[in-house]
Amino acid sequence: MNFAFCILEFMANLIVDEGNTLCKIGVLEANELLCESSAKEFDMAVVEQIMLQHQIDGAIVASTRGGAENICEKLRSRIGRVLHFTSLTEVPIGIDYSSRQTLGTDRIAVAVGVVCGMGIEDALIVDMGSAITFDSVEGGIFRGGNISPGVAMRFRALHEFTAKLPLCQKREVAEAFGSTTVEAIEQGVMQGVLHEIKGYVEQVSKKNCKKNIIFCGGDAESFVNRIKNAIFAPRKLMFTGLNTILEYNVSKGNI
């Protein structure tokens, strides 16, 4: 697979992915993950410790919370090339999306990771985090997708928007109805998510039987083995996507 950019030397890059729940930091060289850490908030002291062990050439920061620019300012005092990744940043894949400015950077980065990192150009990407996103990639182009409440969000909604239902947590999916209220909630959520995923898989498979089904995100392990021929993406997929975007923009002279 040929891409429209070439990196003459692989760079050791700092990747900051500030998600809804955790801020993840990684160091990649030639898309190999050298180290990683995660915490609820970004901590510059962690970066300082990383820089004692690795020569960092550039950094990219993505945030679904809106805190990326503040993090970038802190990093620019220590790293020469820092890219604030937004939905409008140039990326090495096509984006066919009507409201590009509102497209989540996490969805773009994962798509880049699938196309450029995994070499898969046709896929349904099921990303199971705080929300569940179902994104379609065709011919190496991001074609859009749908967003649904995540597993934990569904449990919280049942608890917070009712008077008496308890707050429950995810369990193994069982092929049975619950015999207690707790079991009814647990399996109502877990089986509901599974049937939702199966519905999307059936929908896309009818149009393209060769389309890959890619699972990623924190809750993916609970469902991936229940979908025939599904692929569990490497845990570094988001880092790989962001690293590829950084190197692409360096090669284009954008930073």
Foldseek 3Di string as FASTA:
>chain_A
DDFPFDDPAWFFEWEWEAEPAKIKIFTDTPNDTPDIDIDRDDDVVVVVVVVVPDPGAEYEHFHPVPCRVVVQVVCVVPYVYYHDDALPADARFAEADDCSRPDHPLVQLLLLLCCVVVVAQFAFEFAAEQKTWTWTGHRRYTNDTDIGGHLQRQLVCVVVVDDDQDRADEDAADPDADPDSNSNSRNVSLVVVQVVVVVVVVVVCVVPVPHAYEYHYDCRVSHQVVDPRHHDDPNCSSVSSRSNSSSVCVRVVVD
